[in-house]
Amino acid sequence: MINKIATSVAEALTGIADGATVLIGGFGTAGIPGELIAGLIDQGARELTVVNNNAGNGDTGLAALLKTGRVRKVICSFPRQADSHVFDGLYRSGQLQLELVPQGNLAERLRAAGAGVGAFFTPTGFGTELAKNADGSPKETRVINGKPYVLEYPIFGDVALIKAECGDRWGNLTYRKAARNFGPVMATAAKRTIASVYEVVELGAFDPEAVVTPGIHVSAIVQIPRVATQAGGFKEAA
């Protein structure tokens, strides 16, 4: 019987190795799998490469992971914002590498990994510093139909940590509004995908047309609680 429900975050994260490339869903604070990030901190893997839209906010979530000193490199689109002091300090002191990727390219490089696309040409970044490799050498370019393009390669993950709204024991997932963001493409781009969900539903409860991430792309799901706020709404557990 297929049952991908883990009994705890720690169980779901078992086996993440030092040096792993970890894809972490989220857009700013929307859809950040906070419980899974906290679990990764407790799990102790080191020398990680982290792929996310941002590079952490404040002192929680991804910023807390960076603060442990166990992240070697960040691949992202928006590393700096008003509260990115953890990233700023580590980067300026040379303790953290950065690969800056335009947001559309980031999404497409992840999608390409999941779709089996070897590489693709994009106009974004042509003629800028982003059209150079990490060693400063120029990326391959080509003019197609009179328009210049830059060659970009897929981003593969050893593991993806994503946050969904609901899941079933086969690993089928649905998301809530903007919390969906990078989760679906990251799920297809990783060798192993772990999703936190607020609700576990029975098999057959999903309309098949409503399933966003099919269970074939998901290795484990773990249920996390909602916490009521004084305003009467809900937030994720700390």
Foldseek 3Di string as FASTA:
>chain_A
DQFQADADLLRQPPPDAAAFEEEFEDDQPQFGPQRNQVSVVVVDHAQYEYEYQEQDFACGRNLVSVQVLRYAEYEHAHHDDPGNVSSVVCVVVPSYYYQHDHPVRQLVLLLCLLVVNAKDWDLPPPPHQNQADPVRHGADWDQDPNGITGIDGHDAGQEYETEAAEAERLGFGAHDPPSCPSVQSNLSRHPEYEYEYQYYDYPPPDDVVRGRHGSVSHNHYYYFHWDADPVGHTDGDD
